Amino acid sequence: MTSFSANSPERTNAPRLVVFLVYPDIVLLDLVGPLQVFSHALELATDKNGYACAVVSSTGEMVRTNTVVPIPSEPVARYRDQPINTLVVVGGDGANHAMLDADFLQEVKLLAANADRICSVCSGALILAAAGLLEGRRAVTHWEDCKMLAETFPGVRVEVDPIYIKDGHIWTSAGITAGMDLALAIVSEDLGRQAALKVARSMVTHMVRSGGQSQFSPVLDRQLLDTAGRFEELHHWLADNLQCDLRVDAMAERVNMSARNFSRLYSKQMGLTPAKAVEAMRTEKARDLLETTDISIKRIATQCGFNDEERMRRAFLRLLGVAPSDYRQGFKTQ
């Protein structure tokens, strides 16, 4: 590949070089998710001012993944002296070994020294930290690895919740699909929000998420707590009827239980009362509308069953620690 500087004035129409650094036992989606975003951005960019991507490894051979599909790679030495727009270190079980490999970490440092932007996906943050690139910075990784990252590298300011974090020129992201959110955010920064939305639409990704959003899914959390699916139909019904008067009696009738028995069993299974569960679901719906629409806060409160803005404001402050108006300002995606 021809060497070029992504920021060179004479090459303003040249694709930006994105280098993905891989090693044995990576998570396949950690690589191909962001790779597809950048590849789509180049295909959709009308002025071709998109991205050129390379997948590199220490050996330049086929690299084992966590699936039956291996990944071809180029030798990392080929890119040591090339100006790189974005360096992406992917994650996987192999990160636990790679972070202890002094020669591999030296390669990371050499590539990072020539990169305008340094990123990690999932447990790739462990490798950046081992290379000393996260010292004193905010960072996130997959929630299962956050404790290890914090305990092994106490100089890193680990945050558990965000899907990705940008601290200066270094970006870190949470698990697996959060790497696509990170890549879309980079496309938005480089090529503009409309370009990122165009890529997301082409990839049938429903929105471009802000990094401050949580890597935890409330819907998935409910499914994990209710593994037998005892209240699954109820939750679907609640989600479709949040604007209604959802008292305990109505919910109990839906699952053919007495109100007292339902309240007791639900609280034991889900870890919160039925009323608190409804409030949480209404807040989730309101969050989505605040992020993706221009509907007034008053109307959102009505649509989500809060009935008035003050009741919704109190719920947001209690559950999210922020007022609806401030939440919209920070996380609106349109």
C-alpha atoms as a PDB file:
ATOM      1  CA  MET A   1       0.000   0.000   0.000  1.00  0.00           C
ATOM      2  CA  THR A   2       1.304   3.475  -0.863  1.00  0.00           C
ATOM      3  CA  SER A   3       2.372   5.519   2.113  1.00  0.00           C
ATOM      4  CA  PHE A   4       0.523   8.780   2.724  1.00  0.00           C
ATOM      5  CA  SER A   5      -0.320  11.172   5.508  1.00  0.00           C
ATOM      6  CA  ALA A   6      -4.015  11.341   6.333  1.00  0.00           C
ATOM      7  CA  ASN A   7      -3.668  15.003   7.275  1.00  0.00           C
ATOM      8  CA  SER A   8      -1.330  16.083   4.479  1.00  0.00           C
ATOM      9  CA  PRO A   9      -2.742  19.104   2.596  1.00  0.00           C
ATOM     10  CA  GLU A  10      -1.700  17.703  -0.758  1.00  0.00           C
ATOM     11  CA  ARG A  11      -3.569  14.466  -0.021  1.00  0.00           C
ATOM     12  CA  THR A  12      -6.835  15.899   1.293  1.00  0.00           C
ATOM     13  CA  ASN A  13      -8.836  13.659  -1.059  1.00  0.00           C
ATOM     14  CA  ALA A  14      -6.865  10.512  -0.201  1.00  0.00           C
ATOM     15  CA  PRO A  15      -8.501   7.819   1.920  1.00  0.00           C
ATOM     16  CA  ARG A  16      -7.579   7.817   5.598  1.00  0.00           C
ATOM     17  CA  LEU A  17      -5.475   4.821   6.583  1.00  0.00           C
ATOM     18  CA  VAL A  18      -7.105   2.634   9.259  1.00  0.00           C
ATOM     19  CA  VAL A  19      -4.904  -0.154  10.614  1.00  0.00           C
ATOM     20  CA  PHE A  20      -6.465  -3.030  12.559  1.00  0.00           C
ATOM     21  CA  LEU A  21      -3.950  -4.845  14.759  1.00  0.00           C
ATOM     22  CA  VAL A  22      -4.856  -8.491  15.390  1.00  0.00           C
ATOM     23  CA  TYR A  23      -3.361 -11.485  17.221  1.00  0.00           C
ATOM     24  CA  PRO A  24      -4.418 -15.105  17.831  1.00  0.00           C
ATOM     25  CA  ASP A  25      -7.840 -15.698  19.407  1.00  0.00           C
ATOM     26  CA  ILE A  26      -9.475 -12.358  18.624  1.00  0.00           C
ATOM     27  CA  VAL A  27     -13.248 -11.947  18.656  1.00  0.00           C
ATOM     28  CA  LEU A  28     -14.193 -11.953  14.985  1.00  0.00           C
ATOM     29  CA  LEU A  29     -16.923  -9.317  15.321  1.00  0.00           C
ATOM     30  CA  ASP A  30     -14.520  -6.983  17.161  1.00  0.00           C
ATOM     31  CA  LEU A  31     -12.670  -6.798  13.856  1.00  0.00           C
ATOM     32  CA  VAL A  32     -15.253  -7.151  11.112  1.00  0.00           C
ATOM     33  CA  GLY A  33     -17.858  -4.853  12.693  1.00  0.00           C
ATOM     34  CA  PRO A  34     -15.706  -1.684  12.666  1.00  0.00           C
ATOM     35  CA  LEU A  35     -13.968  -2.847   9.479  1.00  0.00           C
ATOM     36  CA  GLN A  36     -17.324  -2.987   7.700  1.00  0.00           C
ATOM     37  CA  VAL A  37     -18.236   0.514   8.931  1.00  0.00           C
ATOM     38  CA  PHE A  38     -15.051   2.045   7.528  1.00  0.00           C
ATOM     39  CA  SER A  39     -15.341   0.029   4.301  1.00  0.00           C
ATOM     40  CA  HIS A  40     -18.933   1.203   3.835  1.00  0.00           C
ATOM     41  CA  ALA A  41     -17.869   4.781   4.470  1.00  0.00           C
ATOM     42  CA  LEU A  42     -15.384   4.576   1.597  1.00  0.00           C
ATOM     43  CA  GLU A  43     -17.975   3.020  -0.712  1.00  0.00           C
ATOM     44  CA  LEU A  44     -20.591   5.666   0.125  1.00  0.00           C
ATOM     45  CA  ALA A  45     -18.307   8.723   0.177  1.00  0.00           C
ATOM     46  CA  THR A  46     -19.062  10.723  -2.989  1.00  0.00           C
ATOM     47  CA  ASP A  47     -15.658  12.422  -2.946  1.00  0.00           C
ATOM     48  CA  LYS A  48     -13.849   9.164  -2.051  1.00  0.00           C
ATOM     49  CA  ASN A  49     -12.446  10.931   0.992  1.00  0.00           C
ATOM     50  CA  GLY A  50     -13.151   7.852   3.073  1.00  0.00           C
ATOM     51  CA  TYR A  51     -10.917   5.130   4.458  1.00  0.00           C
ATOM     52  CA  ALA A  52      -8.340   2.587   3.332  1.00  0.00           C
ATOM     53  CA  CYS A  53      -8.156  -0.370   5.716  1.00  0.00           C
ATOM     54  CA  ALA A  54      -5.393  -2.819   6.562  1.00  0.00           C
ATOM     55  CA  VAL A  55      -5.390  -5.821   8.910  1.00  0.00           C
ATOM     56  CA  VAL A  56      -1.941  -6.471  10.354  1.00  0.00           C
ATOM     57  CA  SER A  57      -0.329  -8.934  12.755  1.00  0.00           C
ATOM     58  CA  SER A  58       3.158  -9.673  14.037  1.00  0.00           C
ATOM     59  CA  THR A  59       3.644 -12.559  11.599  1.00  0.00           C
ATOM     60  CA  GLY A  60       1.549 -11.411   8.659  1.00  0.00           C
ATOM     61  CA  GLU A  61      -0.041 -14.850   8.479  1.00  0.00           C
ATOM     62  CA  MET A  62      -3.567 -16.223   8.941  1.00  0.00           C
ATOM     63  CA  VAL A  63      -4.798 -15.301  12.405  1.00  0.00           C
ATOM     64  CA  ARG A  64      -6.991 -17.581  14.488  1.00  0.00           C
ATOM     65  CA  THR A  65     -10.320 -16.093  15.707  1.00  0.00           C
ATOM     66  CA  ASN A  66     -12.942 -17.246  18.193  1.00  0.00           C
ATOM     67  CA  THR A  67     -14.882 -18.776  15.298  1.00  0.00           C
ATOM     68  CA  VAL A  68     -14.081 -21.323  12.575  1.00  0.00           C
ATOM     69  CA  VAL A  69     -13.095 -18.407  10.305  1.00  0.00           C
ATOM     70  CA  PRO A  70      -9.396 -17.356  10.364  1.00  0.00           C
ATOM     71  CA  ILE A  71      -8.361 -13.882   9.204  1.00  0.00           C
ATOM     72  CA  PRO A  72      -5.596 -13.072   6.692  1.00  0.00           C
ATOM     73  CA  SER A  73      -3.207 -10.317   7.734  1.00  0.00           C
ATOM     74  CA  GLU A  74      -0.250  -8.292   6.516  1.00  0.00           C
ATOM     75  CA  PRO A  75       3.060  -8.035   8.413  1.00  0.00           C
ATOM     76  CA  VAL A  76       2.954  -5.235  10.971  1.00  0.00           C
ATOM     77  CA  ALA A  77       6.453  -4.187   9.863  1.00  0.00           C
ATOM     78  CA  ARG A  78       4.957  -2.931   6.605  1.00  0.00           C
ATOM     79  CA  TYR A  79       3.153  -0.141   8.478  1.00  0.00           C
ATOM     80  CA  ARG A  80       5.671   0.829  11.174  1.00  0.00           C
ATOM     81  CA  ASP A  81       6.766   3.987   9.384  1.00  0.00           C
ATOM     82  CA  GLN A  82       3.490   4.871   7.697  1.00  0.00           C
ATOM     83  CA  PRO A  83       1.376   7.789   8.930  1.00  0.00           C
ATOM     84  CA  ILE A  84      -1.803   6.162  10.265  1.00  0.00           C
ATOM     85  CA  ASN A  85      -5.070   8.007  10.677  1.00  0.00           C
ATOM     86  CA  THR A  86      -6.659   5.436  13.009  1.00  0.00           C
ATOM     87  CA  LEU A  87      -5.069   2.463  14.781  1.00  0.00           C
ATOM     88  CA  VAL A  88      -7.569  -0.092  16.098  1.00  0.00           C
ATOM     89  CA  VAL A  89      -6.519  -2.829  18.537  1.00  0.00           C
ATOM     90  CA  VAL A  90      -9.258  -5.461  18.633  1.00  0.00           C
ATOM     91  CA  GLY A  91     -10.261  -7.637  21.572  1.00  0.00           C
ATOM     92  CA  GLY A  92     -10.576 -11.316  22.349  1.00  0.00           C
ATOM     93  CA  ASP A  93      -9.402 -13.991  24.758  1.00  0.00           C
ATOM     94  CA  GLY A  94      -5.971 -13.695  23.181  1.00  0.00           C
ATOM     95  CA  ALA A  95      -5.606 -10.216  24.710  1.00  0.00           C
ATOM     96  CA  ASN A  96      -4.660 -11.830  28.021  1.00  0.00           C
ATOM     97  CA  HIS A  97      -1.582 -13.316  26.352  1.00  0.00           C
ATOM     98  CA  ALA A  98      -0.840 -10.397  24.030  1.00  0.00           C
ATOM     99  CA  MET A  99      -0.731  -7.915  26.917  1.00  0.00           C
ATOM    100  CA  LEU A 100       2.181  -9.884  28.391  1.00  0.00           C
ATOM    101  CA  ASP A 101       4.139 -10.167  25.130  1.00  0.00           C
ATOM    102  CA  ALA A 102       6.876  -7.506  25.256  1.00  0.00           C
ATOM    103  CA  ASP A 103       7.654  -7.756  21.532  1.00  0.00           C
ATOM    104  CA  PHE A 104       3.992  -7.378  20.600  1.00  0.00           C
ATOM    105  CA  LEU A 105       3.582  -4.384  22.919  1.00  0.00           C
ATOM    106  CA  GLN A 106       6.586  -2.749  21.269  1.00  0.00           C
ATOM    107  CA  GLU A 107       4.840  -3.123  17.918  1.00  0.00           C
ATOM    108  CA  VAL A 108       1.756  -1.461  19.407  1.00  0.00           C
ATOM    109  CA  LYS A 109       3.863   1.476  20.617  1.00  0.00           C
ATOM    110  CA  LEU A 110       5.579   1.896  17.244  1.00  0.00           C
ATOM    111  CA  LEU A 111       2.275   1.948  15.368  1.00  0.00           C
ATOM    112  CA  ALA A 112       0.693   4.259  17.966  1.00  0.00           C
ATOM    113  CA  ALA A 113       3.568   6.735  17.618  1.00  0.00           C
ATOM    114  CA  ASN A 114       2.568   7.308  13.968  1.00  0.00           C
ATOM    115  CA  ALA A 115      -1.203   7.314  14.530  1.00  0.00           C
ATOM    116  CA  ASP A 116      -3.415  10.385  14.727  1.00  0.00           C
ATOM    117  CA  ARG A 117      -6.053   8.353  16.574  1.00  0.00           C
ATOM    118  CA  ILE A 118      -5.660   5.216  18.713  1.00  0.00           C
ATOM    119  CA  CYS A 119      -8.617   2.939  19.450  1.00  0.00           C
ATOM    120  CA  SER A 120      -9.467  -0.324  21.152  1.00  0.00           C
ATOM    121  CA  VAL A 121     -12.468  -2.592  20.861  1.00  0.00           C
ATOM    122  CA  CYS A 122     -13.539  -4.646  23.867  1.00  0.00           C
ATOM    123  CA  SER A 123     -10.560  -6.240  25.701  1.00  0.00           C
ATOM    124  CA  GLY A 124      -8.175  -4.541  23.285  1.00  0.00           C
ATOM    125  CA  ALA A 125      -8.113  -1.874  26.021  1.00  0.00           C
ATOM    126  CA  LEU A 126      -5.980  -4.259  28.101  1.00  0.00           C
ATOM    127  CA  ILE A 127      -3.331  -4.173  25.375  1.00  0.00           C
ATOM    128  CA  LEU A 128      -3.395  -0.380  25.126  1.00  0.00           C
ATOM    129  CA  ALA A 129      -3.069  -0.180  28.902  1.00  0.00           C
ATOM    130  CA  ALA A 130      -0.165  -2.654  28.944  1.00  0.00           C
ATOM    131  CA  ALA A 131       1.552  -0.498  26.319  1.00  0.00           C
ATOM    132  CA  GLY A 132       1.187   2.503  28.635  1.00  0.00           C
ATOM    133  CA  LEU A 133      -1.198   4.321  26.302  1.00  0.00           C
ATOM    134  CA  LEU A 134      -4.104   4.614  28.761  1.00  0.00           C
ATOM    135  CA  GLU A 135      -2.199   5.892  31.786  1.00  0.00           C
ATOM    136  CA  GLY A 136      -4.158   8.714  33.415  1.00  0.00           C
ATOM    137  CA  ARG A 137      -6.965   8.455  30.857  1.00  0.00           C
ATOM    138  CA  ARG A 138     -10.620   7.527  31.008  1.00  0.00           C
ATOM    139  CA  ALA A 139     -11.291   4.179  29.384  1.00  0.00           C
ATOM    140  CA  VAL A 140     -13.917   1.486  29.003  1.00  0.00           C
ATOM    141  CA  THR A 141     -13.888  -2.149  27.952  1.00  0.00           C
ATOM    142  CA  HIS A 142     -16.361  -5.019  27.978  1.00  0.00           C
ATOM    143  CA  TRP A 143     -18.100  -4.992  31.358  1.00  0.00           C
ATOM    144  CA  GLU A 144     -16.683  -8.451  32.141  1.00  0.00           C
ATOM    145  CA  ASP A 145     -13.127  -7.084  31.813  1.00  0.00           C
ATOM    146  CA  CYS A 146     -13.558  -3.730  33.578  1.00  0.00           C
ATOM    147  CA  LYS A 147     -12.506  -5.106  36.971  1.00  0.00           C
ATOM    148  CA  MET A 148      -9.375  -6.687  35.511  1.00  0.00           C
ATOM    149  CA  LEU A 149      -8.475  -3.486  33.657  1.00  0.00           C
ATOM    150  CA  ALA A 150      -8.884  -1.399  36.804  1.00  0.00           C
ATOM    151  CA  GLU A 151      -6.997  -3.773  39.110  1.00  0.00           C
ATOM    152  CA  THR A 152      -4.144  -4.539  36.718  1.00  0.00           C
ATOM    153  CA  PHE A 153      -3.655  -0.929  35.613  1.00  0.00           C
ATOM    154  CA  PRO A 154      -4.616   1.352  38.525  1.00  0.00           C
ATOM    155  CA  GLY A 155      -3.454   4.416  36.581  1.00  0.00           C
ATOM    156  CA  VAL A 156      -6.339   3.961  34.134  1.00  0.00           C
ATOM    157  CA  ARG A 157      -9.617   5.682  35.035  1.00  0.00           C
ATOM    158  CA  VAL A 158     -11.956   2.815  34.176  1.00  0.00           C
ATOM    159  CA  GLU A 159     -15.651   3.510  33.615  1.00  0.00           C
ATOM    160  CA  VAL A 160     -18.023   0.564  33.462  1.00  0.00           C
ATOM    161  CA  ASP A 161     -21.118   1.959  31.776  1.00  0.00           C
ATOM    162  CA  PRO A 162     -20.367   3.849  28.496  1.00  0.00           C
ATOM    163  CA  ILE A 163     -20.374   2.084  25.143  1.00  0.00           C
ATOM    164  CA  TYR A 164     -17.296   4.070  24.156  1.00  0.00           C
ATOM    165  CA  ILE A 165     -15.100   6.852  25.522  1.00  0.00           C
ATOM    166  CA  LYS A 166     -13.011   9.445  23.709  1.00  0.00           C
ATOM    167  CA  ASP A 167     -10.179  10.882  25.805  1.00  0.00           C
ATOM    168  CA  GLY A 168      -8.070  13.121  23.617  1.00  0.00           C
ATOM    169  CA  HIS A 169      -6.918  11.132  20.586  1.00  0.00           C
ATOM    170  CA  ILE A 170      -7.521   7.786  22.303  1.00  0.00           C
ATOM    171  CA  TRP A 171     -10.848   5.993  22.002  1.00  0.00           C
ATOM    172  CA  THR A 172     -11.896   2.834  23.858  1.00  0.00           C
ATOM    173  CA  SER A 173     -15.119   0.883  23.464  1.00  0.00           C
ATOM    174  CA  ALA A 174     -17.133  -1.728  25.293  1.00  0.00           C
ATOM    175  CA  GLY A 175     -17.852  -5.230  24.048  1.00  0.00           C
ATOM    176  CA  ILE A 176     -18.195  -6.432  20.484  1.00  0.00           C
ATOM    177  CA  THR A 177     -20.964  -4.416  18.745  1.00  0.00           C
ATOM    178  CA  ALA A 178     -19.880  -1.270  20.625  1.00  0.00           C
ATOM    179  CA  GLY A 179     -16.917  -1.273  18.255  1.00  0.00           C
ATOM    180  CA  MET A 180     -19.350  -0.425  15.460  1.00  0.00           C
ATOM    181  CA  ASP A 181     -20.712   2.475  17.525  1.00  0.00           C
ATOM    182  CA  LEU A 182     -17.151   3.708  17.996  1.00  0.00           C
ATOM    183  CA  ALA A 183     -16.425   3.415  14.273  1.00  0.00           C
ATOM    184  CA  LEU A 184     -19.616   5.291  13.357  1.00  0.00           C
ATOM    185  CA  ALA A 185     -18.673   8.052  15.802  1.00  0.00           C
ATOM    186  CA  ILE A 186     -15.270   8.318  14.108  1.00  0.00           C
ATOM    187  CA  VAL A 187     -16.928   8.525  10.684  1.00  0.00           C
ATOM    188  CA  SER A 188     -19.145  11.290  12.055  1.00  0.00           C
ATOM    189  CA  GLU A 189     -16.103  13.171  13.350  1.00  0.00           C
ATOM    190  CA  ASP A 190     -14.145  12.757  10.100  1.00  0.00           C
ATOM    191  CA  LEU A 191     -16.811  12.973   7.398  1.00  0.00           C
ATOM    192  CA  GLY A 192     -19.788  14.552   9.160  1.00  0.00           C
ATOM    193  CA  ARG A 193     -22.922  13.311  10.847  1.00  0.00           C
ATOM    194  CA  GLN A 194     -24.848  12.824   7.615  1.00  0.00           C
ATOM    195  CA  ALA A 195     -22.149  10.485   6.326  1.00  0.00           C
ATOM    196  CA  ALA A 196     -22.305   8.422   9.530  1.00  0.00           C
ATOM    197  CA  LEU A 197     -26.089   8.219   9.330  1.00  0.00           C
ATOM    198  CA  LYS A 198     -25.834   7.160   5.702  1.00  0.00           C
ATOM    199  CA  VAL A 199     -23.442   4.353   6.662  1.00  0.00           C
ATOM    200  CA  ALA A 200     -25.651   3.285   9.574  1.00  0.00           C
ATOM    201  CA  ARG A 201     -28.733   3.238   7.336  1.00  0.00           C
ATOM    202  CA  SER A 202     -26.927   1.172   4.707  1.00  0.00           C
ATOM    203  CA  MET A 203     -25.878  -1.336   7.375  1.00  0.00           C
ATOM    204  CA  VAL A 204     -29.433  -1.422   8.808  1.00  0.00           C
ATOM    205  CA  THR A 205     -28.163  -0.037  12.107  1.00  0.00           C
ATOM    206  CA  HIS A 206     -31.099   1.846  13.593  1.00  0.00           C
ATOM    207  CA  MET A 207     -29.186   4.842  14.970  1.00  0.00           C
ATOM    208  CA  VAL A 208     -25.793   6.366  15.682  1.00  0.00           C
ATOM    209  CA  ARG A 209     -25.459   6.023  19.454  1.00  0.00           C
ATOM    210  CA  SER A 210     -23.680   8.489  21.684  1.00  0.00           C
ATOM    211  CA  GLY A 211     -20.719   7.168  23.657  1.00  0.00           C
ATOM    212  CA  GLY A 212     -22.336   8.202  26.925  1.00  0.00           C
ATOM    213  CA  GLN A 213     -25.095   5.677  26.486  1.00  0.00           C
ATOM    214  CA  SER A 214     -24.983   2.512  28.553  1.00  0.00           C
ATOM    215  CA  GLN A 215     -23.475  -0.760  27.321  1.00  0.00           C
ATOM    216  CA  PHE A 216     -26.128  -2.522  29.394  1.00  0.00           C
ATOM    217  CA  SER A 217     -29.465  -3.363  27.755  1.00  0.00           C
ATOM    218  CA  PRO A 218     -32.504  -3.054  30.048  1.00  0.00           C
ATOM    219  CA  VAL A 219     -34.400  -5.518  27.846  1.00  0.00           C
ATOM    220  CA  LEU A 220     -31.576  -8.053  28.064  1.00  0.00           C
ATOM    221  CA  ASP A 221     -31.303  -7.511  31.804  1.00  0.00           C
ATOM    222  CA  ARG A 222     -34.978  -8.390  32.192  1.00  0.00           C
ATOM    223  CA  GLN A 223     -34.525 -11.503  30.068  1.00  0.00           C
ATOM    224  CA  LEU A 224     -31.536 -12.606  32.132  1.00  0.00           C
ATOM    225  CA  LEU A 225     -33.505 -12.194  35.352  1.00  0.00           C
ATOM    226  CA  ASP A 226     -36.508 -13.997  33.875  1.00  0.00           C
ATOM    227  CA  THR A 227     -34.705 -16.905  32.222  1.00  0.00           C
ATOM    228  CA  ALA A 228     -37.811 -19.102  32.253  1.00  0.00           C
ATOM    229  CA  GLY A 229     -39.772 -16.385  30.429  1.00  0.00           C
ATOM    230  CA  ARG A 230     -42.460 -16.311  33.113  1.00  0.00           C
ATOM    231  CA  PHE A 231     -43.101 -12.584  32.630  1.00  0.00           C
ATOM    232  CA  GLU A 232     -41.933 -12.233  29.020  1.00  0.00           C
ATOM    233  CA  GLU A 233     -45.422 -11.801  27.567  1.00  0.00           C
ATOM    234  CA  LEU A 234     -46.260  -9.320  30.306  1.00  0.00           C
ATOM    235  CA  HIS A 235     -43.184  -7.240  29.490  1.00  0.00           C
ATOM    236  CA  HIS A 236     -44.105  -7.155  25.797  1.00  0.00           C
ATOM    237  CA  TRP A 237     -47.629  -6.071  26.710  1.00  0.00           C
ATOM    238  CA  LEU A 238     -46.349  -3.368  29.062  1.00  0.00           C
ATOM    239  CA  ALA A 239     -44.002  -2.014  26.383  1.00  0.00           C
ATOM    240  CA  ASP A 240     -46.954  -1.669  23.996  1.00  0.00           C
ATOM    241  CA  ASN A 241     -49.235  -0.044  26.568  1.00  0.00           C
ATOM    242  CA  LEU A 242     -47.053   2.339  28.569  1.00  0.00           C
ATOM    243  CA  GLN A 243     -49.521   5.182  28.071  1.00  0.00           C
ATOM    244  CA  CYS A 244     -52.223   3.215  29.912  1.00  0.00           C
ATOM    245  CA  ASP A 245     -53.017   3.043  33.622  1.00  0.00           C
ATOM    246  CA  LEU A 246     -50.739   0.151  34.546  1.00  0.00           C
ATOM    247  CA  ARG A 247     -51.630  -0.642  38.117  1.00  0.00           C
ATOM    248  CA  VAL A 248     -50.690  -3.864  39.843  1.00  0.00           C
ATOM    249  CA  ASP A 249     -54.240  -5.194  39.502  1.00  0.00           C
ATOM    250  CA  ALA A 250     -54.117  -4.827  35.698  1.00  0.00           C
ATOM    251  CA  MET A 251     -50.731  -6.562  35.474  1.00  0.00           C
ATOM    252  CA  ALA A 252     -51.830  -9.364  37.793  1.00  0.00           C
ATOM    253  CA  GLU A 253     -54.925  -9.967  35.702  1.00  0.00           C
ATOM    254  CA  ARG A 254     -52.726 -10.175  32.614  1.00  0.00           C
ATOM    255  CA  VAL A 255     -50.793 -13.122  34.078  1.00  0.00           C
ATOM    256  CA  ASN A 256     -53.838 -14.698  35.756  1.00  0.00           C
ATOM    257  CA  MET A 257     -52.653 -14.128  39.320  1.00  0.00           C
ATOM    258  CA  SER A 258     -53.993 -12.371  42.344  1.00  0.00           C
ATOM    259  CA  ALA A 259     -52.488  -8.925  42.845  1.00  0.00           C
ATOM    260  CA  ARG A 260     -50.808  -9.964  46.088  1.00  0.00           C
ATOM    261  CA  ASN A 261     -49.293 -13.161  44.698  1.00  0.00           C
ATOM    262  CA  PHE A 262     -48.186 -11.450  41.482  1.00  0.00           C
ATOM    263  CA  SER A 263     -46.515  -8.584  43.328  1.00  0.00           C
ATOM    264  CA  ARG A 264     -44.645 -11.008  45.592  1.00  0.00           C
ATOM    265  CA  LEU A 265     -43.485 -13.331  42.807  1.00  0.00           C
ATOM    266  CA  TYR A 266     -42.554 -10.523  40.428  1.00  0.00           C
ATOM    267  CA  SER A 267     -40.505  -8.667  43.037  1.00  0.00           C
ATOM    268  CA  LYS A 268     -38.670 -11.856  43.976  1.00  0.00           C
ATOM    269  CA  GLN A 269     -37.911 -12.796  40.362  1.00  0.00           C
ATOM    270  CA  MET A 270     -37.086  -9.363  38.925  1.00  0.00           C
ATOM    271  CA  GLY A 271     -35.561  -7.635  41.940  1.00  0.00           C
ATOM    272  CA  LEU A 272     -37.944  -4.679  41.925  1.00  0.00           C
ATOM    273  CA  THR A 273     -41.638  -4.060  42.399  1.00  0.00           C
ATOM    274  CA  PRO A 274     -44.057  -4.070  39.456  1.00  0.00           C
ATOM    275  CA  ALA A 275     -44.581  -0.316  39.864  1.00  0.00           C
ATOM    276  CA  LYS A 276     -40.834   0.358  39.730  1.00  0.00           C
ATOM    277  CA  ALA A 277     -40.551  -1.892  36.674  1.00  0.00           C
ATOM    278  CA  VAL A 278     -43.208   0.123  34.855  1.00  0.00           C
ATOM    279  CA  GLU A 279     -41.474   3.368  35.797  1.00  0.00           C
ATOM    280  CA  ALA A 280     -38.178   2.008  34.431  1.00  0.00           C
ATOM    281  CA  MET A 281     -39.799   0.933  31.146  1.00  0.00           C
ATOM    282  CA  ARG A 282     -41.473   4.308  30.757  1.00  0.00           C
ATOM    283  CA  THR A 283     -38.118   5.984  31.337  1.00  0.00           C
ATOM    284  CA  GLU A 284     -36.464   3.730  28.738  1.00  0.00           C
ATOM    285  CA  LYS A 285     -39.111   4.670  26.175  1.00  0.00           C
ATOM    286  CA  ALA A 286     -38.809   8.355  27.015  1.00  0.00           C
ATOM    287  CA  ARG A 287     -35.027   8.154  26.640  1.00  0.00           C
ATOM    288  CA  ASP A 288     -35.428   6.685  23.166  1.00  0.00           C
ATOM    289  CA  LEU A 289     -37.851   9.428  22.099  1.00  0.00           C
ATOM    290  CA  LEU A 290     -35.625  12.157  23.516  1.00  0.00           C
ATOM    291  CA  GLU A 291     -32.655  10.758  21.603  1.00  0.00           C
ATOM    292  CA  THR A 292     -34.310  10.168  18.252  1.00  0.00           C
ATOM    293  CA  THR A 293     -37.194  12.651  17.832  1.00  0.00           C
ATOM    294  CA  ASP A 294     -38.080  16.322  18.180  1.00  0.00           C
ATOM    295  CA  ILE A 295     -41.306  15.538  20.048  1.00  0.00           C
ATOM    296  CA  SER A 296     -41.830  17.947  22.937  1.00  0.00           C
ATOM    297  CA  ILE A 297     -41.000  16.758  26.430  1.00  0.00           C
ATOM    298  CA  LYS A 298     -44.614  17.353  27.468  1.00  0.00           C
ATOM    299  CA  ARG A 299     -45.906  15.094  24.687  1.00  0.00           C
ATOM    300  CA  ILE A 300     -43.298  12.430  25.442  1.00  0.00           C
ATOM    301  CA  ALA A 301     -44.398  12.413  29.080  1.00  0.00           C
ATOM    302  CA  THR A 302     -47.974  11.771  27.944  1.00  0.00           C
ATOM    303  CA  GLN A 303     -47.049   9.098  25.387  1.00  0.00           C
ATOM    304  CA  CYS A 304     -44.951   7.197  27.928  1.00  0.00           C
ATOM    305  CA  GLY A 305     -47.643   7.232  30.625  1.00  0.00           C
ATOM    306  CA  PHE A 306     -46.051   9.746  32.991  1.00  0.00           C
ATOM    307  CA  ASN A 307     -49.037  12.043  32.358  1.00  0.00           C
ATOM    308  CA  ASP A 308     -47.088  15.204  33.180  1.00  0.00           C
ATOM    309  CA  GLU A 309     -43.570  16.563  32.748  1.00  0.00           C
ATOM    310  CA  GLU A 310     -42.870  16.843  36.478  1.00  0.00           C
ATOM    311  CA  ARG A 311     -43.520  13.163  37.102  1.00  0.00           C
ATOM    312  CA  MET A 312     -41.215  12.236  34.219  1.00  0.00           C
ATOM    313  CA  ARG A 313     -38.567  14.670  35.471  1.00  0.00           C
ATOM    314  CA  ARG A 314     -38.606  13.061  38.928  1.00  0.00           C
ATOM    315  CA  ALA A 315     -38.255   9.584  37.373  1.00  0.00           C
ATOM    316  CA  PHE A 316     -35.300  10.694  35.236  1.00  0.00           C
ATOM    317  CA  LEU A 317     -33.558  12.285  38.200  1.00  0.00           C
ATOM    318  CA  ARG A 318     -34.133   9.189  40.327  1.00  0.00           C
ATOM    319  CA  LEU A 319     -33.057   6.625  37.703  1.00  0.00           C
ATOM    320  CA  LEU A 320     -30.583   8.530  35.532  1.00  0.00           C
ATOM    321  CA  GLY A 321     -29.490  11.445  37.675  1.00  0.00           C
ATOM    322  CA  VAL A 322     -30.331  13.957  34.939  1.00  0.00           C
ATOM    323  CA  ALA A 323     -33.396  15.956  33.874  1.00  0.00           C
ATOM    324  CA  PRO A 324     -35.092  15.072  30.547  1.00  0.00           C
ATOM    325  CA  SER A 325     -34.081  18.384  28.938  1.00  0.00           C
ATOM    326  CA  ASP A 326     -30.435  17.858  29.864  1.00  0.00           C
ATOM    327  CA  TYR A 327     -30.576  14.248  28.687  1.00  0.00           C
ATOM    328  CA  ARG A 328     -31.873  15.330  25.266  1.00  0.00           C
ATOM    329  CA  GLN A 329     -29.148  17.948  24.960  1.00  0.00           C
ATOM    330  CA  GLY A 330     -26.437  15.401  25.716  1.00  0.00           C
ATOM    331  CA  PHE A 331     -27.671  12.402  23.758  1.00  0.00           C
ATOM    332  CA  LYS A 332     -29.852  13.564  20.891  1.00  0.00           C
ATOM    333  CA  THR A 333     -28.942  11.661  17.717  1.00  0.00           C
ATOM    334  CA  GLN A 334     -30.711  13.721  15.053  1.00  0.00           C
END
